[in-house]
Amino acid sequence: MAFQIKGDVVGLDIPKGFASVPAAPAVAVVGTAGTTEYQYQVVAVGPNGDSLPSAAGQTTTGNATLSGTNYNTVTWTAVPGAQSYRVLRQIGGTGGYELLVTTSAVTINDEGQYTAVAYTAASAVEANIGTVNIQITPGAGVDGSSQQAGFITVEASAANLAAITSGSCTLTLSQP
């Protein structure tokens, strides 16, 4: 037997120090345009761990050889409480993202000067980071019955945290 609860996420209590997910960065090509695709993601670093990576910002008109005159400017919005940011890059739209730089700024110029290294999500995100309390607004249930406002606690793993922070969620509760 399974039950579904649907509702808008009104309040979200993420464990203290866990950084919020940044918005997708903007990417601007400076100098001579080309046909190389560059995608960038930003990870906010908080006192107790990294956020999930942002959605990708991209350009499909990047120069194949980045330099001091042909580069990509990557800009993002500051995340409250973030101590620094990890900037990730993928070239050509395939393969994994690589870590370019960790910075306290909210903009970088990718001139090809960084030594990119393979990047995997921080262990705090991949592992269970605790619980997240979600406030659910009253409304109609899946079966048409009314729902009560209240709180629900969900284990915060990388898979469900991305869905929870998107603004609304559907939780399926199954009887063991």
N, C-alpha and C. Protein backbone atom coordinates (compact mmCIF):
# COMPACT_ATOMS: atom_id res chain seq x y z
N MET A 1 0.85 -1.16 0.00
CA MET A 1 0.00 0.00 0.00
C MET A 1 0.90 1.23 0.00
N ALA A 2 0.58 2.21 -0.84
CA ALA A 2 1.38 3.44 -0.92
C ALA A 2 0.45 4.64 -0.84
N PHE A 3 0.94 5.69 -0.24
CA PHE A 3 0.21 6.94 -0.12
C PHE A 3 1.05 8.03 -0.74
N GLN A 4 0.42 9.01 -1.36
CA GLN A 4 1.16 10.14 -1.90
C GLN A 4 0.70 11.41 -1.22
N ILE A 5 1.63 12.27 -0.91
CA ILE A 5 1.35 13.59 -0.37
C ILE A 5 1.95 14.58 -1.34
N LYS A 6 1.13 15.50 -1.83
CA LYS A 6 1.64 16.52 -2.74
C LYS A 6 1.45 17.87 -2.10
N GLY A 7 2.36 18.78 -2.33
CA GLY A 7 2.21 20.12 -1.79
C GLY A 7 3.38 20.99 -2.16
N ASP A 8 3.20 22.27 -1.92
CA ASP A 8 4.29 23.21 -2.16
C ASP A 8 5.19 23.25 -0.94
N VAL A 9 6.46 23.37 -1.19
CA VAL A 9 7.40 23.49 -0.09
C VAL A 9 7.36 24.94 0.37
N VAL A 10 6.87 25.17 1.58
CA VAL A 10 6.75 26.52 2.12
C VAL A 10 7.97 26.84 2.97
N GLY A 11 8.36 25.94 3.80
CA GLY A 11 9.53 26.14 4.65
C GLY A 11 10.45 24.95 4.50
N LEU A 12 11.72 25.20 4.46
CA LEU A 12 12.69 24.12 4.29
C LEU A 12 13.79 24.32 5.31
N ASP A 13 13.97 23.37 6.16
CA ASP A 13 14.96 23.47 7.22
C ASP A 13 16.11 22.54 6.89
N ILE A 14 17.12 23.08 6.19
CA ILE A 14 18.29 22.30 5.81
C ILE A 14 19.27 22.36 6.97
N PRO A 15 19.95 21.26 7.28
CA PRO A 15 20.90 21.30 8.40
C PRO A 15 21.84 22.50 8.32
N LYS A 16 22.10 23.12 9.47
CA LYS A 16 22.91 24.33 9.52
C LYS A 16 24.26 24.13 8.84
N GLY A 17 24.62 25.12 8.04
CA GLY A 17 25.92 25.10 7.40
C GLY A 17 25.92 24.49 6.01
N PHE A 18 24.86 23.78 5.66
CA PHE A 18 24.80 23.19 4.33
C PHE A 18 24.41 24.28 3.35
N ALA A 19 25.22 24.53 2.36
CA ALA A 19 25.01 25.65 1.46
C ALA A 19 23.85 25.39 0.51
N SER A 20 23.11 26.46 0.18
CA SER A 20 22.02 26.37 -0.79
C SER A 20 22.59 26.20 -2.19
N VAL A 21 21.80 25.63 -3.07
CA VAL A 21 22.23 25.40 -4.45
C VAL A 21 22.23 26.72 -5.20
N PRO A 22 23.34 27.10 -5.83
CA PRO A 22 23.37 28.36 -6.59
C PRO A 22 22.50 28.26 -7.85
N ALA A 23 22.10 29.43 -8.36
CA ALA A 23 21.41 29.48 -9.65
C ALA A 23 22.43 29.20 -10.75
N ALA A 24 21.94 28.82 -11.92
CA ALA A 24 22.84 28.54 -13.05
C ALA A 24 23.66 29.79 -13.37
N PRO A 25 24.94 29.61 -13.65
CA PRO A 25 25.78 30.77 -13.97
C PRO A 25 25.51 31.27 -15.39
N ALA A 26 25.81 32.55 -15.61
CA ALA A 26 25.77 33.14 -16.95
C ALA A 26 27.16 32.98 -17.56
N VAL A 27 27.20 32.72 -18.86
CA VAL A 27 28.48 32.54 -19.56
C VAL A 27 28.52 33.50 -20.74
N ALA A 28 29.56 34.34 -20.79
CA ALA A 28 29.73 35.29 -21.89
C ALA A 28 31.07 35.03 -22.57
N VAL A 29 31.04 34.97 -23.88
CA VAL A 29 32.26 34.77 -24.67
C VAL A 29 32.89 36.13 -24.93
N VAL A 30 34.19 36.25 -24.64
CA VAL A 30 34.93 37.48 -24.89
C VAL A 30 36.00 37.17 -25.93
N GLY A 31 36.14 38.04 -26.93
CA GLY A 31 37.13 37.83 -27.99
C GLY A 31 36.49 37.17 -29.19
N THR A 32 37.27 36.38 -29.90
CA THR A 32 36.81 35.72 -31.12
C THR A 32 35.95 34.52 -30.77
N ALA A 33 34.73 34.51 -31.29
CA ALA A 33 33.82 33.38 -31.05
C ALA A 33 34.28 32.17 -31.85
N GLY A 34 33.81 31.02 -31.44
CA GLY A 34 34.14 29.77 -32.12
C GLY A 34 32.93 28.86 -32.12
N THR A 35 33.18 27.57 -32.14
CA THR A 35 32.08 26.59 -32.17
C THR A 35 32.21 25.56 -31.05
N THR A 36 32.99 25.86 -30.04
CA THR A 36 33.19 24.91 -28.95
C THR A 36 32.16 25.15 -27.85
N GLU A 37 31.54 24.07 -27.39
CA GLU A 37 30.57 24.17 -26.30
C GLU A 37 31.27 24.05 -24.96
N TYR A 38 30.99 25.01 -24.09
CA TYR A 38 31.48 24.98 -22.72
C TYR A 38 30.27 25.03 -21.80
N GLN A 39 30.25 24.16 -20.79
CA GLN A 39 29.21 24.19 -19.76
C GLN A 39 29.90 24.38 -18.41
N TYR A 40 29.28 25.22 -17.59
CA TYR A 40 29.82 25.51 -16.26
C TYR A 40 28.75 25.28 -15.21
N GLN A 41 29.15 24.76 -14.07
CA GLN A 41 28.30 24.64 -12.89
C GLN A 41 29.05 25.25 -11.71
N VAL A 42 28.28 25.68 -10.71
CA VAL A 42 28.87 26.28 -9.52
C VAL A 42 28.37 25.51 -8.30
N VAL A 43 29.28 25.23 -7.37
CA VAL A 43 28.97 24.57 -6.11
C VAL A 43 29.28 25.57 -4.99
N ALA A 44 28.29 25.85 -4.14
CA ALA A 44 28.52 26.74 -3.00
C ALA A 44 29.12 25.92 -1.85
N VAL A 45 30.12 26.48 -1.20
CA VAL A 45 30.78 25.81 -0.08
C VAL A 45 30.38 26.52 1.21
N GLY A 46 29.72 25.80 2.11
CA GLY A 46 29.30 26.34 3.40
C GLY A 46 30.19 25.80 4.51
N PRO A 47 29.96 26.22 5.73
CA PRO A 47 30.81 25.79 6.84
C PRO A 47 30.77 24.29 7.12
N ASN A 48 29.69 23.63 6.73
CA ASN A 48 29.59 22.19 6.98
C ASN A 48 29.43 21.36 5.72
N GLY A 49 29.76 21.90 4.57
CA GLY A 49 29.70 21.09 3.36
C GLY A 49 29.35 21.86 2.11
N ASP A 50 29.39 21.14 1.01
CA ASP A 50 29.12 21.70 -0.30
C ASP A 50 27.64 21.54 -0.66
N SER A 51 27.16 22.46 -1.50
CA SER A 51 25.82 22.32 -2.06
C SER A 51 25.87 21.32 -3.21
N LEU A 52 24.72 20.99 -3.73
CA LEU A 52 24.67 20.27 -4.99
C LEU A 52 25.13 21.24 -6.07
N PRO A 53 25.64 20.75 -7.21
CA PRO A 53 26.02 21.66 -8.30
C PRO A 53 24.79 22.38 -8.86
N SER A 54 25.00 23.61 -9.31
CA SER A 54 23.93 24.38 -9.94
C SER A 54 23.54 23.72 -11.26
N ALA A 55 22.45 24.20 -11.84
CA ALA A 55 22.15 23.84 -13.22
C ALA A 55 23.28 24.42 -14.08
N ALA A 56 23.47 23.89 -15.25
CA ALA A 56 24.58 24.33 -16.10
C ALA A 56 24.26 25.64 -16.81
N GLY A 57 25.27 26.50 -16.87
CA GLY A 57 25.26 27.66 -17.75
C GLY A 57 26.16 27.29 -18.91
N GLN A 58 25.82 27.70 -20.11
CA GLN A 58 26.63 27.23 -21.24
C GLN A 58 26.74 28.25 -22.36
N THR A 59 27.71 28.01 -23.20
CA THR A 59 27.85 28.70 -24.47
C THR A 59 28.19 27.66 -25.52
N THR A 60 27.70 27.86 -26.72
CA THR A 60 28.06 26.97 -27.85
C THR A 60 28.95 27.70 -28.84
N THR A 61 29.37 28.92 -28.46
CA THR A 61 30.20 29.72 -29.36
C THR A 61 31.55 30.07 -28.75
N GLY A 62 32.06 29.19 -27.88
CA GLY A 62 33.35 29.43 -27.26
C GLY A 62 34.50 29.16 -28.22
N ASN A 63 35.60 29.84 -27.99
CA ASN A 63 36.81 29.62 -28.77
C ASN A 63 37.43 28.30 -28.34
N ALA A 64 37.92 27.51 -29.30
CA ALA A 64 38.51 26.20 -28.99
C ALA A 64 39.76 26.35 -28.13
N THR A 65 40.49 27.45 -28.30
CA THR A 65 41.69 27.70 -27.51
C THR A 65 41.46 28.94 -26.66
N LEU A 66 41.29 28.72 -25.37
CA LEU A 66 41.07 29.84 -24.46
C LEU A 66 42.40 30.52 -24.16
N SER A 67 42.36 31.86 -24.10
CA SER A 67 43.58 32.64 -23.86
C SER A 67 43.22 33.95 -23.17
N GLY A 68 44.20 34.81 -22.99
CA GLY A 68 43.97 36.12 -22.37
C GLY A 68 43.11 37.03 -23.22
N THR A 69 42.97 36.73 -24.52
CA THR A 69 42.12 37.56 -25.40
C THR A 69 40.85 36.83 -25.84
N ASN A 70 40.84 35.52 -25.76
CA ASN A 70 39.66 34.73 -26.12
C ASN A 70 39.30 33.86 -24.92
N TYR A 71 38.29 34.27 -24.16
CA TYR A 71 37.97 33.56 -22.93
C TYR A 71 36.47 33.61 -22.65
N ASN A 72 36.08 32.85 -21.64
CA ASN A 72 34.68 32.81 -21.19
C ASN A 72 34.61 33.45 -19.81
N THR A 73 33.70 34.42 -19.66
CA THR A 73 33.44 35.01 -18.35
C THR A 73 32.23 34.29 -17.75
N VAL A 74 32.42 33.74 -16.57
CA VAL A 74 31.38 32.97 -15.88
C VAL A 74 30.99 33.76 -14.63
N THR A 75 29.68 34.08 -14.51
CA THR A 75 29.18 34.91 -13.41
C THR A 75 27.97 34.23 -12.78
N TRP A 76 27.88 34.30 -11.46
CA TRP A 76 26.74 33.71 -10.76
C TRP A 76 26.33 34.61 -9.61
N THR A 77 25.16 34.34 -9.05
CA THR A 77 24.63 35.10 -7.93
C THR A 77 25.15 34.52 -6.62
N ALA A 78 25.56 35.39 -5.72
CA ALA A 78 26.07 34.95 -4.42
C ALA A 78 25.01 34.16 -3.66
N VAL A 79 25.45 33.17 -2.92
CA VAL A 79 24.57 32.35 -2.07
C VAL A 79 24.79 32.79 -0.62
N PRO A 80 23.71 33.19 0.09
CA PRO A 80 23.87 33.59 1.48
C PRO A 80 24.56 32.49 2.31
N GLY A 81 25.57 32.87 3.06
CA GLY A 81 26.28 31.93 3.92
C GLY A 81 27.40 31.16 3.24
N ALA A 82 27.51 31.28 1.92
CA ALA A 82 28.59 30.56 1.24
C ALA A 82 29.93 31.21 1.57
N GLN A 83 30.92 30.37 1.84
CA GLN A 83 32.26 30.86 2.14
C GLN A 83 33.11 30.95 0.88
N SER A 84 32.82 30.08 -0.08
CA SER A 84 33.53 30.09 -1.36
C SER A 84 32.69 29.30 -2.37
N TYR A 85 33.19 29.21 -3.58
CA TYR A 85 32.49 28.52 -4.67
C TYR A 85 33.48 27.65 -5.44
N ARG A 86 33.01 26.49 -5.85
CA ARG A 86 33.80 25.62 -6.74
C ARG A 86 33.19 25.78 -8.13
N VAL A 87 34.02 26.11 -9.11
CA VAL A 87 33.55 26.28 -10.48
C VAL A 87 33.94 25.03 -11.26
N LEU A 88 32.95 24.40 -11.87
CA LEU A 88 33.14 23.17 -12.64
C LEU A 88 32.95 23.46 -14.12
N ARG A 89 33.68 22.72 -14.97
CA ARG A 89 33.57 22.93 -16.42
C ARG A 89 33.51 21.59 -17.14
N GLN A 90 32.71 21.58 -18.20
CA GLN A 90 32.64 20.44 -19.12
C GLN A 90 32.80 21.02 -20.53
N ILE A 91 33.61 20.38 -21.34
CA ILE A 91 33.86 20.86 -22.70
C ILE A 91 33.25 19.89 -23.70
N GLY A 92 32.53 20.42 -24.67
CA GLY A 92 31.99 19.59 -25.74
C GLY A 92 30.69 18.89 -25.42
N GLY A 93 30.15 19.09 -24.24
CA GLY A 93 28.85 18.50 -23.90
C GLY A 93 28.89 17.02 -23.55
N THR A 94 30.07 16.43 -23.45
CA THR A 94 30.17 15.02 -23.08
C THR A 94 31.19 14.85 -21.96
N GLY A 95 31.11 13.74 -21.27
CA GLY A 95 32.06 13.47 -20.20
C GLY A 95 31.64 14.16 -18.91
N GLY A 96 32.44 13.96 -17.89
CA GLY A 96 32.13 14.54 -16.59
C GLY A 96 32.63 15.96 -16.47
N TYR A 97 32.20 16.60 -15.40
CA TYR A 97 32.66 17.95 -15.11
C TYR A 97 34.00 17.87 -14.40
N GLU A 98 34.82 18.90 -14.63
CA GLU A 98 36.11 19.01 -13.96
C GLU A 98 36.10 20.26 -13.08
N LEU A 99 36.81 20.19 -11.97
CA LEU A 99 36.95 21.34 -11.08
C LEU A 99 38.00 22.27 -11.65
N LEU A 100 37.59 23.52 -11.91
CA LEU A 100 38.54 24.52 -12.41
C LEU A 100 39.24 25.25 -11.28
N VAL A 101 38.42 25.78 -10.35
CA VAL A 101 38.97 26.65 -9.32
C VAL A 101 37.99 26.74 -8.15
N THR A 102 38.52 27.01 -6.97
CA THR A 102 37.71 27.37 -5.81
C THR A 102 38.03 28.83 -5.53
N THR A 103 36.98 29.66 -5.41
CA THR A 103 37.16 31.10 -5.28
C THR A 103 36.10 31.69 -4.36
N SER A 104 36.40 32.85 -3.79
CA SER A 104 35.40 33.56 -3.00
C SER A 104 34.66 34.59 -3.85
N ALA A 105 35.11 34.79 -5.08
CA ALA A 105 34.48 35.74 -6.00
C ALA A 105 33.21 35.13 -6.61
N VAL A 106 32.41 35.95 -7.29
CA VAL A 106 31.21 35.45 -7.99
C VAL A 106 31.36 35.60 -9.50
N THR A 107 32.57 35.71 -9.96
CA THR A 107 32.85 35.72 -11.39
C THR A 107 34.28 35.25 -11.62
N ILE A 108 34.48 34.54 -12.71
CA ILE A 108 35.84 34.15 -13.12
C ILE A 108 35.96 34.35 -14.62
N ASN A 109 37.17 34.53 -15.09
CA ASN A 109 37.47 34.51 -16.52
C ASN A 109 38.23 33.22 -16.79
N ASP A 110 37.61 32.33 -17.57
CA ASP A 110 38.27 31.07 -17.93
C ASP A 110 39.10 31.33 -19.18
N GLU A 111 40.39 31.58 -18.96
CA GLU A 111 41.34 31.88 -20.04
C GLU A 111 42.21 30.68 -20.36
N GLY A 112 41.82 29.51 -19.83
CA GLY A 112 42.62 28.31 -20.04
C GLY A 112 43.76 28.20 -19.04
N GLN A 113 43.79 29.07 -18.03
CA GLN A 113 44.89 29.11 -17.07
C GLN A 113 44.76 28.10 -15.95
N TYR A 114 43.59 27.51 -15.79
CA TYR A 114 43.37 26.58 -14.69
C TYR A 114 43.75 25.16 -15.08
N THR A 115 44.28 24.43 -14.12
CA THR A 115 44.55 23.00 -14.30
C THR A 115 43.33 22.26 -13.79
N ALA A 116 42.48 21.82 -14.69
CA ALA A 116 41.24 21.16 -14.30
C ALA A 116 41.53 19.75 -13.78
N VAL A 117 40.79 19.38 -12.73
CA VAL A 117 40.92 18.04 -12.16
C VAL A 117 39.54 17.41 -12.10
N ALA A 118 39.50 16.09 -12.17
CA ALA A 118 38.22 15.37 -12.12
C ALA A 118 37.48 15.76 -10.85
N TYR A 119 36.16 15.87 -10.96
CA TYR A 119 35.35 16.30 -9.82
C TYR A 119 34.23 15.29 -9.57
N THR A 120 34.07 14.93 -8.32
CA THR A 120 32.91 14.13 -7.91
C THR A 120 32.23 14.90 -6.78
N ALA A 121 30.93 14.71 -6.65
CA ALA A 121 30.17 15.43 -5.64
C ALA A 121 30.77 15.19 -4.26
N ALA A 122 30.69 16.20 -3.42
CA ALA A 122 31.24 16.11 -2.07
C ALA A 122 30.57 14.99 -1.29
N SER A 123 31.34 14.34 -0.46
CA SER A 123 30.81 13.22 0.30
C SER A 123 29.63 13.62 1.18
N ALA A 124 29.59 14.88 1.64
CA ALA A 124 28.47 15.33 2.47
C ALA A 124 27.17 15.30 1.68
N VAL A 125 27.24 15.47 0.38
CA VAL A 125 26.04 15.45 -0.45
C VAL A 125 25.71 14.02 -0.84
N GLU A 126 26.72 13.25 -1.18
CA GLU A 126 26.46 11.87 -1.61
C GLU A 126 25.94 11.02 -0.46
N ALA A 127 26.44 11.28 0.73
CA ALA A 127 26.02 10.52 1.89
C ALA A 127 24.73 11.10 2.46
N ASN A 128 24.14 10.40 3.37
CA ASN A 128 22.97 10.92 4.06
C ASN A 128 23.43 12.05 4.96
N ILE A 129 22.93 13.26 4.75
CA ILE A 129 23.37 14.41 5.55
C ILE A 129 22.44 14.69 6.71
N GLY A 130 21.51 13.84 6.98
CA GLY A 130 20.61 14.06 8.09
C GLY A 130 19.18 14.11 7.62
N THR A 131 18.37 14.94 8.24
CA THR A 131 16.98 15.04 7.87
C THR A 131 16.63 16.46 7.47
N VAL A 132 15.62 16.58 6.64
CA VAL A 132 15.12 17.88 6.20
C VAL A 132 13.66 17.95 6.62
N ASN A 133 13.28 19.04 7.29
CA ASN A 133 11.89 19.24 7.66
C ASN A 133 11.22 20.09 6.61
N ILE A 134 10.12 19.61 6.07
CA ILE A 134 9.39 20.31 5.01
C ILE A 134 8.03 20.71 5.54
N GLN A 135 7.68 21.98 5.38
CA GLN A 135 6.35 22.44 5.77
C GLN A 135 5.43 22.29 4.55
N ILE A 136 4.35 21.59 4.71
CA ILE A 136 3.40 21.35 3.62
C ILE A 136 2.19 22.26 3.82
N THR A 137 1.74 22.91 2.75
CA THR A 137 0.55 23.76 2.83
C THR A 137 -0.70 22.91 2.71
N PRO A 138 -1.80 23.35 3.29
CA PRO A 138 -3.04 22.59 3.15
C PRO A 138 -3.51 22.62 1.71
N GLY A 139 -4.19 21.60 1.30
CA GLY A 139 -4.73 21.55 -0.06
C GLY A 139 -5.37 20.21 -0.31
N ALA A 140 -5.68 19.97 -1.56
CA ALA A 140 -6.34 18.72 -1.92
C ALA A 140 -5.32 17.61 -2.02
N GLY A 141 -5.67 16.46 -1.48
CA GLY A 141 -4.82 15.29 -1.60
C GLY A 141 -4.98 14.67 -2.99
N VAL A 142 -4.16 13.68 -3.27
CA VAL A 142 -4.20 13.01 -4.56
C VAL A 142 -5.58 12.42 -4.82
N ASP A 143 -6.21 11.91 -3.77
CA ASP A 143 -7.52 11.28 -3.93
C ASP A 143 -8.67 12.27 -3.80
N GLY A 144 -8.37 13.57 -3.72
CA GLY A 144 -9.42 14.58 -3.61
C GLY A 144 -9.76 14.96 -2.19
N SER A 145 -9.29 14.21 -1.21
CA SER A 145 -9.56 14.56 0.18
C SER A 145 -8.67 15.71 0.60
N SER A 146 -9.04 16.40 1.66
CA SER A 146 -8.24 17.55 2.10
C SER A 146 -7.04 17.07 2.91
N GLN A 147 -5.98 17.86 2.83
CA GLN A 147 -4.77 17.58 3.58
C GLN A 147 -4.62 18.63 4.67
N GLN A 148 -4.03 18.25 5.75
CA GLN A 148 -3.74 19.17 6.83
C GLN A 148 -2.37 19.80 6.60
N ALA A 149 -2.21 21.04 7.03
CA ALA A 149 -0.88 21.64 7.02
C ALA A 149 -0.04 20.96 8.08
N GLY A 150 1.23 20.92 7.89
CA GLY A 150 2.08 20.31 8.89
C GLY A 150 3.49 20.18 8.40
N PHE A 151 4.26 19.40 9.12
CA PHE A 151 5.65 19.18 8.76
C PHE A 151 5.86 17.70 8.49
N ILE A 152 6.80 17.43 7.63
CA ILE A 152 7.17 16.07 7.33
C ILE A 152 8.69 16.03 7.35
N THR A 153 9.28 14.98 7.81
CA THR A 153 10.73 14.86 7.87
C THR A 153 11.17 13.82 6.86
N VAL A 154 12.16 14.18 6.05
CA VAL A 154 12.65 13.31 4.98
C VAL A 154 14.16 13.17 5.13
N GLU A 155 14.66 11.98 4.91
CA GLU A 155 16.11 11.80 4.90
C GLU A 155 16.69 12.62 3.76
N ALA A 156 17.72 13.38 4.01
CA ALA A 156 18.31 14.27 3.01
C ALA A 156 19.50 13.59 2.34
N SER A 157 19.25 13.01 1.20
CA SER A 157 20.32 12.44 0.38
C SER A 157 20.42 13.28 -0.89
N ALA A 158 21.47 13.10 -1.65
CA ALA A 158 21.65 13.87 -2.87
C ALA A 158 20.46 13.70 -3.80
N ALA A 159 19.92 12.50 -3.90
CA ALA A 159 18.83 12.24 -4.84
C ALA A 159 17.57 13.00 -4.48
N ASN A 160 17.17 12.97 -3.20
CA ASN A 160 15.91 13.63 -2.89
C ASN A 160 16.07 15.09 -2.51
N LEU A 161 17.27 15.55 -2.15
CA LEU A 161 17.43 16.95 -1.82
C LEU A 161 17.22 17.83 -3.03
N ALA A 162 17.68 17.40 -4.20
CA ALA A 162 17.47 18.18 -5.42
C ALA A 162 15.98 18.34 -5.70
N ALA A 163 15.21 17.30 -5.53
CA ALA A 163 13.77 17.37 -5.78
C ALA A 163 13.09 18.23 -4.73
N ILE A 164 13.50 18.13 -3.49
CA ILE A 164 12.87 18.88 -2.41
C ILE A 164 13.09 20.37 -2.58
N THR A 165 14.29 20.79 -2.97
CA THR A 165 14.59 22.21 -3.05
C THR A 165 14.03 22.86 -4.30
N SER A 166 13.37 22.10 -5.17
CA SER A 166 12.86 22.67 -6.42
C SER A 166 11.59 23.49 -6.23
N GLY A 167 10.98 23.48 -5.07
CA GLY A 167 9.81 24.31 -4.82
C GLY A 167 8.55 23.54 -4.57
N SER A 168 8.45 22.34 -5.07
CA SER A 168 7.31 21.49 -4.75
C SER A 168 7.77 20.06 -4.79
N CYS A 169 7.00 19.20 -4.19
CA CYS A 169 7.43 17.81 -4.16
C CYS A 169 6.24 16.88 -4.02
N THR A 170 6.43 15.66 -4.43
CA THR A 170 5.48 14.58 -4.20
C THR A 170 6.22 13.51 -3.42
N LEU A 171 5.70 13.17 -2.28
CA LEU A 171 6.31 12.13 -1.47
C LEU A 171 5.44 10.88 -1.55
N THR A 172 6.06 9.77 -1.82
CA THR A 172 5.33 8.50 -1.83
C THR A 172 5.75 7.71 -0.62
N LEU A 173 4.79 7.40 0.23
CA LEU A 173 5.05 6.66 1.45
C LEU A 173 4.55 5.24 1.25
N SER A 174 5.39 4.27 1.44
CA SER A 174 5.02 2.88 1.26
C SER A 174 5.04 2.15 2.59
N GLN A 175 4.10 1.27 2.75
CA GLN A 175 4.06 0.46 3.96
C GLN A 175 5.03 -0.70 3.78
N PRO A 176 5.93 -0.93 4.74
CA PRO A 176 6.91 -2.00 4.59
C PRO A 176 6.26 -3.38 4.60
